[in-house]
N, C-alpha and C. Protein backbone atom coordinates (compact mmCIF):
# COMPACT_ATOMS: atom_id res chain seq x y z
N MET A 1 143.87 183.81 144.70
CA MET A 1 145.14 184.22 144.13
C MET A 1 144.89 184.63 142.69
N THR A 2 145.33 185.82 142.30
CA THR A 2 145.20 186.32 140.96
C THR A 2 146.47 186.02 140.20
N THR A 3 146.37 185.51 138.98
CA THR A 3 147.55 185.22 138.18
C THR A 3 147.42 185.93 136.85
N ALA A 4 148.47 186.63 136.45
CA ALA A 4 148.52 187.30 135.17
C ALA A 4 149.73 186.79 134.43
N THR A 5 149.68 186.79 133.11
CA THR A 5 150.81 186.37 132.32
C THR A 5 151.43 187.59 131.68
N ILE A 6 152.76 187.70 131.76
CA ILE A 6 153.46 188.79 131.11
C ILE A 6 154.57 188.20 130.27
N THR A 7 155.09 188.97 129.36
CA THR A 7 156.14 188.49 128.47
C THR A 7 157.49 189.01 128.92
N THR A 8 157.98 188.43 130.00
CA THR A 8 159.28 188.83 130.54
C THR A 8 159.91 187.67 131.28
N THR A 9 161.19 187.79 131.54
CA THR A 9 161.89 186.88 132.43
C THR A 9 162.60 187.72 133.46
N ARG A 10 162.98 187.12 134.55
CA ARG A 10 163.61 187.83 135.64
C ARG A 10 165.03 188.22 135.24
N GLN A 11 165.32 189.53 135.29
CA GLN A 11 166.66 190.03 135.01
C GLN A 11 166.89 191.28 135.82
N SER A 12 168.01 191.93 135.57
CA SER A 12 168.35 193.12 136.36
C SER A 12 167.43 194.29 136.05
N THR A 13 167.36 195.21 136.99
CA THR A 13 166.53 196.40 136.89
C THR A 13 167.15 197.37 135.89
N PRO A 14 166.35 198.00 135.01
CA PRO A 14 166.90 199.01 134.11
C PRO A 14 167.53 200.13 134.94
N SER A 15 168.72 200.55 134.55
CA SER A 15 169.43 201.55 135.34
C SER A 15 168.80 202.93 135.25
N ALA A 16 168.03 203.21 134.23
CA ALA A 16 167.45 204.54 134.07
C ALA A 16 166.31 204.80 135.04
N THR A 17 165.67 203.75 135.55
CA THR A 17 164.53 203.94 136.44
C THR A 17 164.74 203.09 137.68
N PRO A 18 164.85 203.70 138.86
CA PRO A 18 165.12 202.94 140.08
C PRO A 18 163.90 202.16 140.55
N ALA A 19 164.15 201.19 141.42
CA ALA A 19 163.07 200.41 142.02
C ALA A 19 162.25 201.32 142.93
N THR A 20 161.10 200.81 143.34
CA THR A 20 160.21 201.56 144.21
C THR A 20 160.95 202.02 145.47
N SER A 21 160.79 203.26 145.81
CA SER A 21 161.40 203.80 147.02
C SER A 21 160.55 203.43 148.21
N ALA A 22 161.20 203.15 149.33
CA ALA A 22 160.47 202.80 150.54
C ALA A 22 159.79 204.02 151.15
N THR A 23 160.07 205.22 150.63
CA THR A 23 159.50 206.42 151.21
C THR A 23 158.45 207.08 150.33
N SER A 24 158.25 206.61 149.12
CA SER A 24 157.29 207.29 148.24
C SER A 24 156.12 206.38 147.90
N ALA A 25 154.91 206.92 148.02
CA ALA A 25 153.71 206.18 147.66
C ALA A 25 153.49 206.30 146.16
N MET A 26 152.82 205.31 145.59
CA MET A 26 152.54 205.30 144.16
C MET A 26 151.12 205.79 143.92
N PRO A 27 150.81 206.14 142.68
CA PRO A 27 149.44 206.56 142.36
C PRO A 27 148.43 205.49 142.75
N ALA A 28 147.22 205.92 143.11
CA ALA A 28 146.18 204.99 143.54
C ALA A 28 145.54 204.23 142.39
N THR A 29 145.71 204.72 141.17
CA THR A 29 145.17 204.03 140.01
C THR A 29 146.24 203.95 138.93
N GLY A 30 146.01 203.10 137.95
CA GLY A 30 146.93 202.97 136.84
C GLY A 30 147.41 201.54 136.70
N ALA A 31 148.22 201.32 135.68
CA ALA A 31 148.75 200.00 135.39
C ALA A 31 150.00 199.74 136.21
N VAL A 32 150.08 198.58 136.84
CA VAL A 32 151.29 198.17 137.56
C VAL A 32 152.21 197.52 136.54
N ARG A 33 153.45 198.01 136.50
CA ARG A 33 154.41 197.50 135.53
C ARG A 33 155.68 197.04 136.25
N LEU A 34 156.21 195.90 135.81
CA LEU A 34 157.46 195.36 136.34
C LEU A 34 158.57 195.58 135.33
N ALA A 35 159.78 195.83 135.81
CA ALA A 35 160.94 196.03 134.95
C ALA A 35 161.50 194.71 134.48
N HIS A 36 161.99 194.74 133.24
CA HIS A 36 162.69 193.58 132.68
C HIS A 36 163.69 194.08 131.65
N GLY A 37 164.95 193.77 131.87
CA GLY A 37 165.97 194.24 130.93
C GLY A 37 165.89 195.75 130.78
N ASP A 38 165.63 196.21 129.57
CA ASP A 38 165.51 197.65 129.35
C ASP A 38 164.07 198.05 129.06
N GLY A 39 163.09 197.21 129.46
CA GLY A 39 161.68 197.51 129.22
C GLY A 39 160.83 197.32 130.45
N TRP A 40 159.58 197.73 130.31
CA TRP A 40 158.58 197.61 131.39
C TRP A 40 157.39 196.84 130.86
N PHE A 41 156.82 195.96 131.70
CA PHE A 41 155.72 195.11 131.29
C PHE A 41 154.55 195.23 132.25
N THR A 42 153.37 195.45 131.70
CA THR A 42 152.15 195.59 132.50
C THR A 42 151.73 194.24 133.05
N VAL A 43 151.43 194.19 134.38
CA VAL A 43 151.01 192.94 134.98
C VAL A 43 149.58 192.97 135.50
N CYS A 44 149.09 194.15 135.93
CA CYS A 44 147.71 194.25 136.39
C CYS A 44 147.37 195.71 136.60
N ASP A 45 146.11 195.98 136.89
CA ASP A 45 145.68 197.32 137.23
C ASP A 45 145.89 197.53 138.73
N ARG A 46 146.37 198.69 139.13
CA ARG A 46 146.64 199.01 140.53
C ARG A 46 145.38 198.83 141.39
N GLY A 47 144.21 199.11 140.83
CA GLY A 47 142.96 198.98 141.56
C GLY A 47 142.61 197.56 141.94
N LEU A 48 143.25 196.57 141.33
CA LEU A 48 142.98 195.17 141.66
C LEU A 48 143.76 194.69 142.88
N LEU A 49 144.73 195.47 143.33
CA LEU A 49 145.54 195.08 144.48
C LEU A 49 144.87 195.51 145.78
N THR A 50 144.95 194.65 146.78
CA THR A 50 144.37 194.91 148.11
C THR A 50 145.50 195.18 149.09
N PRO A 51 145.41 196.28 149.86
CA PRO A 51 146.47 196.58 150.83
C PRO A 51 146.72 195.41 151.79
N GLY A 52 147.99 195.07 151.96
CA GLY A 52 148.37 194.01 152.87
C GLY A 52 148.32 192.62 152.28
N ARG A 53 147.94 192.51 151.02
CA ARG A 53 147.83 191.20 150.36
C ARG A 53 148.67 191.16 149.11
N GLY A 54 149.05 189.97 148.69
CA GLY A 54 149.84 189.80 147.49
C GLY A 54 149.10 189.03 146.42
N VAL A 55 149.59 189.16 145.19
CA VAL A 55 149.10 188.36 144.07
C VAL A 55 150.31 187.77 143.36
N SER A 56 150.15 186.62 142.77
CA SER A 56 151.24 186.03 142.02
C SER A 56 151.07 186.35 140.54
N VAL A 57 152.20 186.54 139.88
CA VAL A 57 152.24 186.85 138.46
C VAL A 57 153.04 185.76 137.78
N LEU A 58 152.44 185.08 136.84
CA LEU A 58 153.12 184.01 136.11
C LEU A 58 153.95 184.60 134.99
N LEU A 59 155.24 184.27 134.98
CA LEU A 59 156.15 184.74 133.95
C LEU A 59 156.21 183.72 132.83
N PRO A 60 156.54 184.13 131.61
CA PRO A 60 156.50 183.21 130.47
C PRO A 60 157.47 182.04 130.58
N ASP A 61 158.53 182.18 131.38
CA ASP A 61 159.46 181.06 131.53
C ASP A 61 159.00 180.08 132.61
N GLY A 62 157.79 180.31 133.17
CA GLY A 62 157.25 179.43 134.20
C GLY A 62 157.56 179.90 135.61
N ASP A 63 158.43 180.88 135.76
CA ASP A 63 158.73 181.43 137.07
C ASP A 63 157.60 182.37 137.48
N GLN A 64 157.63 182.84 138.71
CA GLN A 64 156.56 183.71 139.21
C GLN A 64 157.14 184.88 140.00
N ALA A 65 156.39 185.97 140.00
CA ALA A 65 156.69 187.12 140.86
C ALA A 65 155.51 187.28 141.81
N ALA A 66 155.79 187.82 143.00
CA ALA A 66 154.76 188.14 143.98
C ALA A 66 154.66 189.67 144.04
N VAL A 67 153.47 190.21 143.80
CA VAL A 67 153.25 191.65 143.77
C VAL A 67 152.41 192.02 144.99
N PHE A 68 152.86 193.05 145.73
CA PHE A 68 152.21 193.45 146.97
C PHE A 68 151.86 194.93 146.95
N LEU A 69 150.75 195.26 147.57
CA LEU A 69 150.40 196.65 147.87
C LEU A 69 150.47 196.77 149.38
N ASP A 70 151.42 197.59 149.88
CA ASP A 70 151.50 197.72 151.33
C ASP A 70 150.45 198.71 151.82
N ARG A 71 150.30 198.82 153.11
CA ARG A 71 149.25 199.67 153.68
C ARG A 71 149.53 201.16 153.52
N SER A 72 150.75 201.50 153.07
CA SER A 72 151.09 202.89 152.78
C SER A 72 150.82 203.25 151.32
N GLY A 73 150.36 202.28 150.53
CA GLY A 73 150.04 202.53 149.13
C GLY A 73 151.18 202.27 148.16
N ARG A 74 152.29 201.69 148.63
CA ARG A 74 153.41 201.38 147.76
C ARG A 74 153.25 199.97 147.20
N VAL A 75 153.67 199.79 145.95
CA VAL A 75 153.62 198.48 145.30
C VAL A 75 155.04 197.93 145.24
N HIS A 76 155.18 196.65 145.59
CA HIS A 76 156.47 195.96 145.60
C HIS A 76 156.33 194.66 144.82
N ALA A 77 157.44 194.16 144.27
CA ALA A 77 157.42 192.86 143.59
C ALA A 77 158.72 192.12 143.86
N VAL A 78 158.60 190.87 144.27
CA VAL A 78 159.74 189.98 144.51
C VAL A 78 159.42 188.64 143.87
N GLY A 79 160.42 187.77 143.79
CA GLY A 79 160.17 186.41 143.32
C GLY A 79 159.20 185.72 144.24
N ASN A 80 158.33 184.90 143.70
CA ASN A 80 157.28 184.24 144.50
C ASN A 80 157.76 182.94 145.15
N ARG A 81 158.92 182.44 144.74
CA ARG A 81 159.42 181.16 145.26
C ARG A 81 160.11 181.34 146.60
N ASP A 82 159.65 180.61 147.60
CA ASP A 82 160.28 180.58 148.92
C ASP A 82 161.56 179.75 148.79
N PRO A 83 162.74 180.36 148.95
CA PRO A 83 163.98 179.61 148.74
C PRO A 83 164.24 178.53 149.80
N PHE A 84 163.54 178.56 150.92
CA PHE A 84 163.73 177.55 151.96
C PHE A 84 162.94 176.28 151.68
N THR A 85 161.80 176.40 151.01
CA THR A 85 160.97 175.22 150.76
C THR A 85 160.84 174.90 149.27
N GLY A 86 161.11 175.86 148.41
CA GLY A 86 160.92 175.66 146.97
C GLY A 86 159.49 175.89 146.51
N ALA A 87 158.60 176.18 147.44
CA ALA A 87 157.19 176.39 147.10
C ALA A 87 156.96 177.84 146.63
N TYR A 88 156.06 178.01 145.69
CA TYR A 88 155.72 179.33 145.16
C TYR A 88 154.58 179.92 146.00
N VAL A 89 154.95 180.50 147.15
CA VAL A 89 153.95 180.91 148.13
C VAL A 89 154.13 182.32 148.70
N LEU A 90 155.18 183.04 148.33
CA LEU A 90 155.43 184.33 148.99
C LEU A 90 154.29 185.32 148.77
N ALA A 91 153.54 185.20 147.68
CA ALA A 91 152.40 186.10 147.46
C ALA A 91 151.34 185.91 148.54
N ARG A 92 151.35 184.79 149.23
CA ARG A 92 150.41 184.52 150.32
C ARG A 92 150.96 184.91 151.69
N GLY A 93 152.16 185.48 151.71
CA GLY A 93 152.81 185.82 152.97
C GLY A 93 152.21 187.04 153.63
N LEU A 94 152.62 187.24 154.87
CA LEU A 94 152.17 188.39 155.66
C LEU A 94 153.14 189.54 155.50
N LEU A 95 152.61 190.75 155.31
CA LEU A 95 153.46 191.93 155.22
C LEU A 95 153.70 192.51 156.60
N GLY A 96 154.88 193.07 156.78
CA GLY A 96 155.22 193.73 158.03
C GLY A 96 156.37 194.68 157.78
N SER A 97 156.96 195.19 158.84
CA SER A 97 158.14 196.04 158.69
C SER A 97 159.08 195.79 159.86
N ALA A 98 160.36 195.94 159.58
CA ALA A 98 161.41 195.78 160.59
C ALA A 98 162.39 196.93 160.39
N GLY A 99 162.54 197.76 161.39
CA GLY A 99 163.42 198.91 161.26
C GLY A 99 162.97 199.86 160.17
N GLY A 100 161.65 199.95 159.96
CA GLY A 100 161.12 200.84 158.93
C GLY A 100 161.19 200.28 157.52
N ARG A 101 161.67 199.06 157.35
CA ARG A 101 161.78 198.43 156.02
C ARG A 101 160.66 197.40 155.86
N PRO A 102 159.89 197.48 154.77
CA PRO A 102 158.81 196.51 154.56
C PRO A 102 159.36 195.13 154.22
N PHE A 103 158.67 194.09 154.71
CA PHE A 103 159.06 192.73 154.39
C PHE A 103 157.82 191.88 154.19
N VAL A 104 158.03 190.71 153.56
CA VAL A 104 157.00 189.69 153.49
C VAL A 104 157.54 188.48 154.24
N ALA A 105 156.70 187.89 155.09
CA ALA A 105 157.07 186.68 155.82
C ALA A 105 156.45 185.49 155.10
N SER A 106 157.26 184.51 154.79
CA SER A 106 156.76 183.32 154.11
C SER A 106 155.66 182.67 154.94
N PRO A 107 154.58 182.24 154.29
CA PRO A 107 153.50 181.60 155.05
C PRO A 107 153.87 180.20 155.55
N LEU A 108 154.98 179.65 155.08
CA LEU A 108 155.34 178.29 155.49
C LEU A 108 156.24 178.28 156.73
N LEU A 109 157.47 178.74 156.59
CA LEU A 109 158.41 178.68 157.71
C LEU A 109 158.66 180.04 158.35
N LYS A 110 158.00 181.06 157.85
CA LYS A 110 157.99 182.42 158.43
C LYS A 110 159.27 183.23 158.25
N GLN A 111 160.21 182.81 157.38
CA GLN A 111 161.36 183.67 157.13
C GLN A 111 160.87 184.95 156.46
N ARG A 112 161.54 186.08 156.80
CA ARG A 112 161.13 187.40 156.32
C ARG A 112 162.08 187.86 155.22
N PHE A 113 161.49 188.42 154.14
CA PHE A 113 162.26 188.91 153.01
C PHE A 113 161.98 190.40 152.81
N ASP A 114 163.07 191.19 152.78
CA ASP A 114 162.97 192.63 152.57
C ASP A 114 162.40 192.88 151.18
N LEU A 115 161.32 193.66 151.09
CA LEU A 115 160.68 193.90 149.81
C LEU A 115 161.48 194.84 148.91
N ALA A 116 162.41 195.59 149.46
CA ALA A 116 163.23 196.50 148.65
C ALA A 116 164.48 195.83 148.10
N THR A 117 165.07 194.92 148.88
CA THR A 117 166.34 194.30 148.48
C THR A 117 166.23 192.81 148.19
N GLY A 118 165.20 192.16 148.69
CA GLY A 118 165.06 190.71 148.55
C GLY A 118 165.84 189.92 149.58
N ALA A 119 166.63 190.59 150.40
CA ALA A 119 167.45 189.90 151.41
C ALA A 119 166.58 189.25 152.47
N CYS A 120 166.97 188.05 152.88
CA CYS A 120 166.28 187.38 153.97
C CYS A 120 166.76 188.01 155.27
N LEU A 121 165.83 188.46 156.09
CA LEU A 121 166.18 189.09 157.35
C LEU A 121 166.57 188.08 158.41
N ASP A 122 166.35 186.80 158.14
CA ASP A 122 166.63 185.75 159.10
C ASP A 122 167.82 184.88 158.73
N ASP A 123 168.34 185.03 157.51
CA ASP A 123 169.50 184.27 157.04
C ASP A 123 170.18 185.10 155.96
N GLU A 124 171.30 185.73 156.30
CA GLU A 124 171.96 186.67 155.38
C GLU A 124 172.49 186.02 154.10
N ASP A 125 172.54 184.70 154.03
CA ASP A 125 173.03 184.01 152.84
C ASP A 125 171.93 183.73 151.82
N VAL A 126 170.69 184.11 152.13
CA VAL A 126 169.55 183.78 151.27
C VAL A 126 168.85 185.07 150.84
N SER A 127 168.36 185.08 149.61
CA SER A 127 167.58 186.22 149.12
C SER A 127 166.63 185.75 148.04
N VAL A 128 165.71 186.64 147.68
CA VAL A 128 164.79 186.41 146.56
C VAL A 128 165.00 187.55 145.57
N PRO A 129 164.72 187.32 144.29
CA PRO A 129 164.86 188.41 143.32
C PRO A 129 163.86 189.53 143.58
N VAL A 130 164.23 190.74 143.22
CA VAL A 130 163.37 191.92 143.36
C VAL A 130 163.13 192.49 141.97
N PHE A 131 161.91 192.90 141.71
CA PHE A 131 161.55 193.54 140.45
C PHE A 131 161.25 195.01 140.72
N ALA A 132 161.83 195.90 139.91
CA ALA A 132 161.46 197.31 140.00
C ALA A 132 160.00 197.42 139.54
N VAL A 133 159.25 198.31 140.20
CA VAL A 133 157.82 198.46 139.93
C VAL A 133 157.51 199.93 139.72
N ARG A 134 156.58 200.20 138.81
CA ARG A 134 156.04 201.54 138.69
C ARG A 134 154.56 201.44 138.32
N VAL A 135 153.81 202.48 138.69
CA VAL A 135 152.40 202.56 138.37
C VAL A 135 152.22 203.73 137.43
N GLU A 136 151.62 203.48 136.29
CA GLU A 136 151.44 204.55 135.29
C GLU A 136 149.98 204.79 135.02
């Protein structure tokens, strides 16, 4: 598990730049940046990500994000905490898709979380935070 420290806390996505589209691939190289408030923060180099695997990113407030490179070359980021168990494990989850939407399945109880919206596909009352991502 790779951990990077960034100077941000989890907040809403800047309105000027949308979150990663489920239909567009990102550049194969460059810095992966997560949105925070009205700024963007570098978390790692795109070349360090492995398709189908996640890495956890330690946030300065002690929270974590899980960053994924899907097999189509898109980078996604969601909160790393599994809301069903409280464990910070989503970066270790399995990637898949349901109805053409990418998800991560928790490695513990296997609930699936939509990587674009954070919604739990198995319990509509539960979700994880989503971070807008870009590669520059």
